[in-house]
Protein backbone atom coordinates (compact mmCIF):
# COMPACT_ATOMS: atom_id res chain seq x y z
CA UNK A 1 -0.01 -0.06 0.19
CA UNK A 2 2.65 2.57 0.74
CA UNK A 3 4.51 1.72 -2.58
CA UNK A 4 1.43 2.07 -4.40
CA UNK A 5 0.58 5.61 -2.68
CA UNK A 6 4.35 6.88 -3.15
CA UNK A 7 3.91 8.12 -6.81
CA UNK A 8 0.64 10.28 -5.94
CA UNK A 9 2.45 11.87 -3.03
CA UNK A 10 5.31 12.72 -4.97
CA UNK A 11 2.97 14.17 -7.60
CA UNK A 12 1.11 16.14 -4.80
CA UNK A 13 4.15 17.61 -3.60
CA UNK A 14 5.52 18.30 -7.09
CA UNK A 15 2.22 20.27 -7.66
CA UNK A 16 2.51 22.16 -4.46
CA UNK A 17 6.19 23.20 -5.28
CA UNK A 18 5.15 24.59 -8.92
CA UNK A 19 2.25 26.47 -7.32
CA UNK A 20 4.68 27.79 -4.63
CA UNK A 21 7.40 28.79 -7.48
CA UNK A 22 4.67 30.42 -9.67
CA UNK A 23 3.43 32.46 -6.74
CA UNK A 24 6.88 33.61 -5.80
CA UNK A 25 8.14 34.38 -9.15
CA UNK A 26 4.62 35.90 -10.24
CA UNK A 27 4.83 33.86 -13.58
CA UNK A 28 6.56 30.51 -14.51
CA UNK A 29 9.39 32.46 -16.23
CA UNK A 30 13.02 31.67 -16.96
CA UNK A 31 15.54 32.90 -14.63
CA UNK A 32 16.78 35.06 -17.72
CA UNK A 33 13.40 36.63 -17.79
CA UNK A 34 13.57 37.54 -14.29
CA UNK A 35 17.22 38.92 -14.19
CA UNK A 36 17.25 42.67 -13.88
CA UNK A 37 18.79 44.76 -17.10
CA UNK A 38 21.60 46.33 -14.81
CA UNK A 39 22.85 42.75 -14.14
CA UNK A 40 22.53 41.47 -17.48
CA UNK A 41 24.42 44.58 -18.91
CA UNK A 42 27.21 43.93 -16.24
CA UNK A 43 27.37 40.27 -17.27
CA UNK A 44 27.31 40.80 -21.13
CA UNK A 45 29.09 44.14 -21.12
CA UNK A 46 26.55 45.39 -23.66
CA UNK A 47 23.71 47.87 -23.22
CA UNK A 48 21.03 47.75 -25.95
CA UNK A 49 19.55 51.05 -26.82
CA UNK A 50 16.24 51.48 -28.51
CA UNK A 51 15.86 54.85 -30.57
CA UNK A 52 13.76 56.75 -33.28
CA UNK A 53 14.78 59.73 -34.88
CA UNK A 54 13.76 63.05 -33.46
CA UNK A 55 16.30 66.06 -34.09
CA UNK A 56 18.02 67.15 -32.33
CA UNK A 57 17.72 64.12 -29.78
CA UNK A 58 18.72 61.70 -31.84
CA UNK A 59 19.61 61.75 -35.58
CA UNK A 60 22.26 60.32 -38.15
CA UNK A 61 25.20 62.71 -38.80
CA UNK A 62 25.36 63.38 -42.47
CA UNK A 63 29.24 63.49 -42.33
CA UNK A 64 30.23 60.95 -39.97
CA UNK A 65 27.17 58.49 -40.46
CA UNK A 66 26.95 58.27 -36.85
CA UNK A 67 23.95 58.15 -34.54
CA UNK A 68 24.34 61.70 -32.82
CA UNK A 69 22.37 64.04 -30.68
CA UNK A 70 21.62 64.72 -26.93
CA UNK A 71 20.22 61.29 -26.52
CA UNK A 72 23.29 59.63 -27.94
CA UNK A 73 25.62 61.78 -25.84
CA UNK A 74 23.60 61.01 -22.62
CA UNK A 75 23.55 57.51 -23.31
CA UNK A 76 27.41 57.51 -23.94
CA UNK A 77 27.63 58.82 -20.45
CA UNK A 78 25.69 56.02 -19.28
CA UNK A 79 27.71 53.50 -20.81
CA UNK A 80 30.71 55.02 -19.18
CA UNK A 81 29.02 54.76 -15.67
CA UNK A 82 27.98 51.16 -16.22
CA UNK A 83 32.01 50.15 -16.54
CA UNK A 84 32.55 51.18 -20.30
CA UNK A 85 30.05 48.81 -21.54
CA UNK A 86 29.50 48.50 -25.31
CA UNK A 87 26.37 50.46 -26.80
CA UNK A 88 24.14 48.31 -29.28
CA UNK A 89 21.99 50.59 -31.17
CA UNK A 90 18.48 49.15 -32.00
CA UNK A 91 16.50 51.30 -34.61
CA UNK A 92 12.72 51.61 -34.05
CA UNK A 93 9.91 54.00 -34.66
CA UNK A 94 7.96 56.19 -32.39
CA UNK A 95 4.80 54.21 -33.30
CA UNK A 96 6.19 50.78 -32.21
CA UNK A 97 9.10 51.68 -29.55
CA UNK A 98 7.07 51.05 -26.33
CA UNK A 99 6.08 47.49 -27.96
CA UNK A 100 9.94 47.14 -28.42
CA UNK A 101 10.39 47.84 -24.68
CA UNK A 102 7.77 45.49 -23.70
CA UNK A 103 9.36 42.58 -26.16
CA UNK A 104 12.68 43.11 -24.50
CA UNK A 105 14.28 44.46 -27.55
CA UNK A 106 16.65 46.78 -25.70
CA UNK A 107 17.44 47.59 -22.37
CA UNK A 108 16.43 51.53 -22.22
CA UNK A 109 15.15 54.18 -24.47
CA UNK A 110 16.43 57.80 -24.04
CA UNK A 111 14.71 60.23 -24.34
CA UNK A 112 11.08 58.93 -24.52
CA UNK A 113 8.53 61.55 -23.60
CA UNK A 114 6.29 60.65 -20.51
CA UNK A 115 2.45 60.08 -21.60
CA UNK A 116 0.02 58.48 -19.42
CA UNK A 117 -0.70 55.75 -21.94
CA UNK A 118 3.07 54.78 -22.17
CA UNK A 119 3.30 54.72 -18.28
CA UNK A 120 0.78 51.77 -18.19
CA UNK A 121 3.13 49.51 -19.95
CA UNK A 122 6.89 51.06 -19.50
CA UNK A 123 8.65 52.42 -16.50
CA UNK A 124 10.14 55.94 -16.54
CA UNK A 125 13.02 57.26 -14.65
CA UNK A 126 13.14 60.93 -13.30
CA UNK A 127 12.74 63.46 -15.98
CA UNK A 128 15.52 65.32 -17.88
CA UNK A 129 13.60 67.99 -19.43
CA UNK A 130 10.22 69.62 -19.66
CA UNK A 131 9.34 71.37 -22.52
CA UNK A 132 5.93 73.03 -24.09
CA UNK A 133 4.23 71.39 -26.93
CA UNK A 134 2.64 73.78 -29.30
CA UNK A 135 2.35 74.40 -33.16
CA UNK A 136 4.47 75.83 -35.80
CA UNK A 137 2.54 78.14 -38.45
CA UNK A 138 3.83 79.89 -41.53
CA UNK A 139 4.13 83.60 -40.96
CA UNK A 140 1.69 84.58 -43.54
CA UNK A 141 -0.73 82.68 -41.15
CA UNK A 142 -0.17 84.30 -38.01
CA UNK A 143 -3.52 86.21 -38.41
CA UNK A 144 -5.42 83.06 -39.19
CA UNK A 145 -3.89 81.26 -35.85
CA UNK A 146 -4.39 83.52 -33.08
CA UNK A 147 -5.48 80.80 -30.51
CA UNK A 148 -5.27 76.96 -30.08
CA UNK A 149 -8.98 77.00 -30.74
CA UNK A 150 -8.32 78.53 -34.19
CA UNK A 151 -6.52 75.12 -34.87
CA UNK A 152 -9.17 72.97 -33.47
CA UNK A 153 -11.52 73.51 -36.51
CA UNK A 154 -12.76 70.92 -39.15
CA UNK A 155 -11.07 72.74 -41.87
CA UNK A 156 -7.51 72.75 -40.37
CA UNK A 157 -4.91 70.06 -41.06
CA UNK A 158 -2.30 69.37 -38.07
CA UNK A 159 0.72 67.30 -39.01
CA UNK A 160 2.48 65.27 -36.53
CA UNK A 161 4.91 62.34 -36.01
CA UNK A 162 3.04 59.00 -35.46
CA UNK A 163 3.10 57.63 -32.24
CA UNK A 164 4.70 60.90 -30.65
CA UNK A 165 3.75 62.48 -27.43
CA UNK A 166 2.62 65.24 -29.41
CA UNK A 167 0.27 62.90 -31.55
CA UNK A 168 -1.21 61.52 -28.23
CA UNK A 169 -1.99 65.20 -26.93
CA UNK A 170 -3.30 66.33 -30.24
CA UNK A 171 -5.55 63.23 -30.39
CA UNK A 172 -6.86 64.05 -27.15
CA UNK A 173 -7.37 67.89 -27.14
CA UNK A 174 -7.87 68.70 -30.81
CA UNK A 175 -10.93 66.49 -31.52
CA UNK A 176 -12.18 68.64 -34.34
CA UNK A 177 -8.93 69.23 -36.29
CA UNK A 178 -7.93 66.60 -39.31
CA UNK A 179 -4.80 65.27 -37.97
CA UNK A 180 -2.30 64.15 -40.71
CA UNK A 181 0.44 61.56 -39.09
CA UNK A 182 3.85 60.99 -40.68
CA UNK A 183 6.26 58.34 -39.79
CA UNK A 184 9.21 60.63 -39.05
CA UNK A 185 9.34 64.29 -37.63
CA UNK A 186 11.28 65.64 -40.89
CA UNK A 187 7.99 64.41 -43.00
CA UNK A 188 5.75 65.96 -40.95
CA UNK A 189 7.41 69.33 -40.78
CA UNK A 190 7.82 69.11 -44.27
CA UNK A 191 4.41 68.46 -45.07
CA UNK A 192 3.23 71.67 -43.04
CA UNK A 193 6.19 73.87 -44.85
CA UNK A 194 5.28 72.68 -48.21
CA UNK A 195 1.35 73.65 -47.63
CA UNK A 196 0.13 70.14 -47.34
CA UNK A 197 -0.99 70.91 -43.80
CA UNK A 198 -1.87 73.99 -41.99
CA UNK A 199 0.04 73.78 -38.76
CA UNK A 200 2.85 71.32 -37.38
CA UNK A 201 2.63 70.10 -33.67
CA UNK A 202 5.88 69.15 -31.87
CA UNK A 203 7.94 69.82 -28.74
CA UNK A 204 9.78 72.97 -27.74
CA UNK A 205 13.38 71.68 -28.71
CA UNK A 206 12.46 70.29 -32.20
CA UNK A 207 10.50 73.66 -32.68
CA UNK A 208 13.33 75.85 -31.77
CA UNK A 209 15.52 73.72 -34.00
CA UNK A 210 13.10 73.85 -36.98
CA UNK A 211 12.98 77.74 -36.70
CA UNK A 212 16.70 77.85 -37.43
CA UNK A 213 16.28 76.10 -41.10
CA UNK A 214 12.78 77.58 -41.60
CA UNK A 215 12.76 81.16 -41.42
CA UNK A 216 9.31 81.41 -43.19
CA UNK A 217 7.91 79.88 -40.04
CA UNK A 218 6.94 81.10 -36.54
CA UNK A 219 5.80 79.43 -33.31
CA UNK A 220 2.25 79.90 -31.31
CA UNK A 221 2.60 81.31 -28.15
CA UNK A 222 1.81 79.10 -25.24
CA UNK A 223 1.44 75.11 -25.05
CA UNK A 224 -1.29 72.71 -25.58
CA UNK A 225 0.64 70.22 -23.19
CA UNK A 226 3.69 69.79 -21.34
CA UNK A 227 6.30 67.31 -22.43
CA UNK A 228 8.75 65.32 -19.97
CA UNK A 229 11.31 63.44 -21.31
CA UNK A 230 12.81 60.44 -19.32
CA UNK A 231 14.33 56.97 -19.86
CA UNK A 232 12.08 54.54 -20.23
CA UNK A 233 12.62 50.60 -19.39
CA UNK A 234 10.40 47.52 -18.67
CA UNK A 235 8.10 47.36 -15.85
CA UNK A 236 9.18 45.39 -12.85
CA UNK A 237 12.77 46.12 -13.18
CA UNK A 238 13.21 48.33 -9.63
CA UNK A 239 16.84 47.33 -9.62
CA UNK A 240 17.65 49.19 -12.74
CA UNK A 241 15.33 52.19 -12.27
CA UNK A 242 16.83 53.07 -8.97
CA UNK A 243 20.23 52.92 -10.69
CA UNK A 244 19.21 55.19 -13.76
CA UNK A 245 17.66 57.72 -11.10
CA UNK A 246 20.99 57.82 -9.37
CA UNK A 247 22.83 58.35 -12.55
CA UNK A 248 20.51 61.02 -13.57
CA UNK A 249 20.66 62.74 -10.33
CA UNK A 250 24.48 62.71 -10.81
CA UNK A 251 24.40 63.99 -14.15
CA UNK A 252 22.21 67.09 -12.92
CA UNK A 253 24.45 67.73 -9.83
CA UNK A 254 27.78 67.75 -11.72
CA UNK A 255 26.33 69.77 -14.55
CA UNK A 256 27.16 66.95 -17.35
CA UNK A 257 23.44 66.99 -18.41
CA UNK A 258 23.39 70.83 -19.00
CA UNK A 259 26.54 70.80 -20.79
CA UNK A 260 25.38 68.03 -23.26
CA UNK A 261 22.05 70.19 -23.96
CA UNK A 262 24.28 73.14 -24.31
CA UNK A 263 26.57 71.63 -26.82
CA UNK A 264 23.21 71.09 -28.87
CA UNK A 265 21.82 74.72 -28.44
CA UNK A 266 19.24 73.08 -26.39
CA UNK A 267 17.81 73.71 -22.75
CA UNK A 268 16.35 71.78 -20.13
CA UNK A 269 13.19 73.78 -19.83
CA UNK A 270 11.60 75.36 -23.08
CA UNK A 271 8.29 77.40 -22.96
CA UNK A 272 7.08 79.82 -25.40
CA UNK A 273 5.11 82.34 -23.38
């Protein structure tokens, strides 16, 4: 009788153990899935960085063909602080970059604008910048677009980068305008400059830069939304998030972050009052 009941007892104990491990881990995931990105980076010597083009934050330098901008400079400091690890750049788009974080395609994305929708699926570090979101318009249209309500009309076409924080804000606030979405920021800006859209919605740093090369454009005063830029990682990795916040605090305290922004003619706070 004892021999007959032994397999059943072993099976029962096995089931109890499986339940315990599932509850303890939250899911029957592998050890690699549970490993903090911080520890994986230290173990492999590689930090995987997701990026999408957004001048002057992240762009490909025409002369050197290297990924350049505020974001890459900050990431280079990050790599040094992690022990001079190698940076593995992973190209993506603003429309799919959050899904990339969830799918563990990369360890960190910087910059990524903070939105309520995105915060449901990714974890954000402390912010590194605050800026207004507003519109660029043609100077000849200044009299036509005096207020944001003038933009929020069925006859107005607003161009924006697909999946960007400006896209999220436009969709929420400007429910009457016709929103025309483009895959990249240069495409969205050019559409407005060429008259295919009436206004172009973007963030402060991008607008300041666009004004340098488009003297026929001007900015609408005020802001329809606040944009905060932070580092973004997968949810649940508190170890890596804590380290990133310490890193950002150090970058601010030493003035390194301000020096990087100044190098690209940008500021950590941009508003159009």
